[in-house]
Amino acid sequence: MSITLLSLPPRKKPLPMTLPLLLVVLIQLVLIGHQWVMLLSLPMMPFPLLLLVDHKQALDLEQ
């Protein structure tokens, strides 16, 4: 995604590089927080372990 942003011709104002980096960091924080919520809810759920493993594999495939 950042490659396509960089290859676009600059408009009136060039996009600062900190904006895509902040978006990536925010997305990573949301994903890590989601994993923590799932880990904390493990004792309360009957069969969460397989779901957690599948979710982690799907995240690894997306990256």
N, C-alpha and C. Protein backbone atom coordinates (compact mmCIF):
# COMPACT_ATOMS: atom_id res chain seq x y z
N MET A 1 0.84 -1.20 0.00
CA MET A 1 0.00 0.00 0.00
C MET A 1 0.87 1.25 0.00
N SER A 2 1.93 1.24 0.81
CA SER A 2 2.79 2.42 0.85
C SER A 2 3.55 2.59 -0.46
N ILE A 3 3.80 1.48 -1.17
CA ILE A 3 4.52 1.57 -2.44
C ILE A 3 3.66 2.32 -3.46
N THR A 4 2.36 1.99 -3.51
CA THR A 4 1.49 2.68 -4.46
C THR A 4 1.35 4.15 -4.09
N LEU A 5 1.34 4.44 -2.77
CA LEU A 5 1.26 5.85 -2.35
C LEU A 5 2.50 6.61 -2.80
N LEU A 6 3.67 5.96 -2.69
CA LEU A 6 4.91 6.64 -3.05
C LEU A 6 5.01 6.84 -4.56
N SER A 7 4.47 5.90 -5.35
CA SER A 7 4.63 5.99 -6.80
C SER A 7 3.64 6.98 -7.42
N LEU A 8 2.64 7.40 -6.67
CA LEU A 8 1.70 8.39 -7.22
C LEU A 8 2.40 9.73 -7.39
N PRO A 9 2.06 10.47 -8.45
CA PRO A 9 2.65 11.81 -8.59
C PRO A 9 2.15 12.71 -7.48
N PRO A 10 3.00 13.58 -6.95
CA PRO A 10 2.59 14.44 -5.83
C PRO A 10 1.50 15.42 -6.25
N ARG A 11 0.51 15.57 -5.38
CA ARG A 11 -0.57 16.53 -5.66
C ARG A 11 -0.10 17.92 -5.23
N LYS A 12 -1.04 18.73 -4.75
CA LYS A 12 -0.65 20.07 -4.29
C LYS A 12 0.33 19.98 -3.12
N LYS A 13 0.05 19.04 -2.19
CA LYS A 13 0.97 18.84 -1.06
C LYS A 13 1.41 17.38 -1.07
N PRO A 14 2.69 17.10 -1.03
CA PRO A 14 3.11 15.70 -0.93
C PRO A 14 2.74 15.13 0.44
N LEU A 15 2.32 13.87 0.43
CA LEU A 15 1.91 13.23 1.67
C LEU A 15 3.13 12.98 2.55
N PRO A 16 3.12 13.45 3.79
CA PRO A 16 4.27 13.19 4.66
C PRO A 16 4.40 11.71 4.98
N MET A 17 5.63 11.25 5.11
CA MET A 17 5.85 9.82 5.33
C MET A 17 5.37 9.37 6.70
N THR A 18 5.17 10.30 7.63
CA THR A 18 4.74 9.88 8.96
C THR A 18 3.29 9.40 8.96
N LEU A 19 2.49 9.84 8.00
CA LEU A 19 1.08 9.46 8.00
C LEU A 19 0.89 7.96 7.72
N PRO A 20 1.48 7.40 6.65
CA PRO A 20 1.33 5.95 6.47
C PRO A 20 1.95 5.16 7.62
N LEU A 21 3.07 5.64 8.15
CA LEU A 21 3.69 4.92 9.27
C LEU A 21 2.78 4.91 10.48
N LEU A 22 2.13 6.04 10.76
CA LEU A 22 1.19 6.08 11.89
C LEU A 22 0.03 5.13 11.67
N LEU A 23 -0.47 5.07 10.43
CA LEU A 23 -1.57 4.15 10.13
C LEU A 23 -1.13 2.71 10.37
N VAL A 24 0.07 2.36 9.91
CA VAL A 24 0.56 0.99 10.10
C VAL A 24 0.70 0.68 11.59
N VAL A 25 1.25 1.63 12.35
CA VAL A 25 1.42 1.40 13.79
C VAL A 25 0.06 1.23 14.47
N LEU A 26 -0.91 2.05 14.07
CA LEU A 26 -2.25 1.93 14.66
C LEU A 26 -2.86 0.57 14.35
N ILE A 27 -2.71 0.12 13.10
CA ILE A 27 -3.26 -1.19 12.73
C ILE A 27 -2.59 -2.29 13.54
N GLN A 28 -1.26 -2.22 13.68
CA GLN A 28 -0.55 -3.23 14.46
C GLN A 28 -1.03 -3.22 15.91
N LEU A 29 -1.22 -2.03 16.49
CA LEU A 29 -1.68 -1.95 17.87
C LEU A 29 -3.07 -2.56 18.01
N VAL A 30 -3.94 -2.30 17.04
CA VAL A 30 -5.29 -2.87 17.10
C VAL A 30 -5.22 -4.39 17.03
N LEU A 31 -4.38 -4.92 16.14
CA LEU A 31 -4.26 -6.38 16.02
C LEU A 31 -3.70 -6.98 17.30
N ILE A 32 -2.67 -6.34 17.87
CA ILE A 32 -2.08 -6.87 19.10
C ILE A 32 -3.11 -6.81 20.23
N GLY A 33 -3.86 -5.70 20.31
CA GLY A 33 -4.89 -5.59 21.33
C GLY A 33 -5.96 -6.65 21.17
N HIS A 34 -6.33 -6.95 19.91
CA HIS A 34 -7.33 -7.98 19.66
C HIS A 34 -6.81 -9.33 20.13
N GLN A 35 -5.53 -9.61 19.88
CA GLN A 35 -4.96 -10.88 20.34
C GLN A 35 -4.95 -10.94 21.87
N TRP A 36 -4.63 -9.82 22.53
CA TRP A 36 -4.63 -9.81 23.98
C TRP A 36 -6.03 -10.06 24.53
N VAL A 37 -7.04 -9.46 23.90
CA VAL A 37 -8.41 -9.68 24.36
C VAL A 37 -8.77 -11.16 24.23
N MET A 38 -8.38 -11.77 23.11
CA MET A 38 -8.67 -13.19 22.93
C MET A 38 -7.92 -14.04 23.96
N LEU A 39 -6.66 -13.67 24.25
CA LEU A 39 -5.89 -14.43 25.23
C LEU A 39 -6.49 -14.29 26.62
N LEU A 40 -6.95 -13.08 26.97
CA LEU A 40 -7.53 -12.88 28.29
C LEU A 40 -8.87 -13.59 28.43
N SER A 41 -9.59 -13.76 27.31
CA SER A 41 -10.89 -14.43 27.39
C SER A 41 -10.76 -15.94 27.26
N LEU A 42 -9.54 -16.47 27.19
CA LEU A 42 -9.35 -17.91 27.06
C LEU A 42 -10.01 -18.70 28.20
N PRO A 43 -9.81 -18.32 29.48
CA PRO A 43 -10.40 -19.14 30.54
C PRO A 43 -11.92 -19.14 30.54
N MET A 44 -12.54 -18.10 29.97
CA MET A 44 -14.00 -17.99 30.03
C MET A 44 -14.68 -18.75 28.89
N MET A 45 -13.91 -19.15 27.86
CA MET A 45 -14.53 -19.78 26.70
C MET A 45 -14.23 -21.27 26.69
N PRO A 46 -15.15 -22.09 26.21
CA PRO A 46 -14.94 -23.55 26.24
C PRO A 46 -13.91 -24.05 25.23
N PHE A 47 -13.95 -23.57 23.98
CA PHE A 47 -13.01 -24.12 22.97
C PHE A 47 -12.35 -22.98 22.18
N PRO A 48 -11.59 -22.12 22.86
CA PRO A 48 -11.04 -20.95 22.15
C PRO A 48 -9.67 -21.20 21.51
N LEU A 49 -8.99 -22.30 21.91
CA LEU A 49 -7.59 -22.45 21.51
C LEU A 49 -7.46 -22.63 20.00
N LEU A 50 -8.32 -23.46 19.41
CA LEU A 50 -8.24 -23.66 17.96
C LEU A 50 -8.57 -22.38 17.22
N LEU A 51 -9.55 -21.62 17.72
CA LEU A 51 -9.89 -20.35 17.07
C LEU A 51 -8.71 -19.40 17.12
N LEU A 52 -8.01 -19.36 18.27
CA LEU A 52 -6.87 -18.45 18.40
C LEU A 52 -5.75 -18.84 17.43
N VAL A 53 -5.49 -20.15 17.31
CA VAL A 53 -4.43 -20.60 16.40
C VAL A 53 -4.81 -20.25 14.96
N ASP A 54 -6.07 -20.52 14.58
CA ASP A 54 -6.51 -20.20 13.22
C ASP A 54 -6.41 -18.70 12.97
N HIS A 55 -6.79 -17.90 13.96
CA HIS A 55 -6.75 -16.44 13.80
C HIS A 55 -5.31 -15.97 13.61
N LYS A 56 -4.39 -16.55 14.37
CA LYS A 56 -2.98 -16.13 14.26
C LYS A 56 -2.43 -16.54 12.89
N GLN A 57 -2.78 -17.72 12.41
CA GLN A 57 -2.30 -18.14 11.09
C GLN A 57 -2.87 -17.24 10.00
N ALA A 58 -4.13 -16.84 10.13
CA ALA A 58 -4.72 -15.94 9.14
C ALA A 58 -4.01 -14.59 9.15
N LEU A 59 -3.66 -14.10 10.35
CA LEU A 59 -2.93 -12.83 10.43
C LEU A 59 -1.55 -12.95 9.78
N ASP A 60 -0.88 -14.09 10.02
CA ASP A 60 0.44 -14.27 9.42
C ASP A 60 0.34 -14.34 7.90
N LEU A 61 -0.74 -14.93 7.38
CA LEU A 61 -0.91 -15.01 5.93
C LEU A 61 -1.17 -13.64 5.34
N GLU A 62 -1.90 -12.80 6.06
CA GLU A 62 -2.20 -11.46 5.53
C GLU A 62 -0.95 -10.59 5.44
N GLN A 63 -0.02 -10.79 6.37
CA GLN A 63 1.19 -9.96 6.34
C GLN A 63 2.23 -10.52 5.40
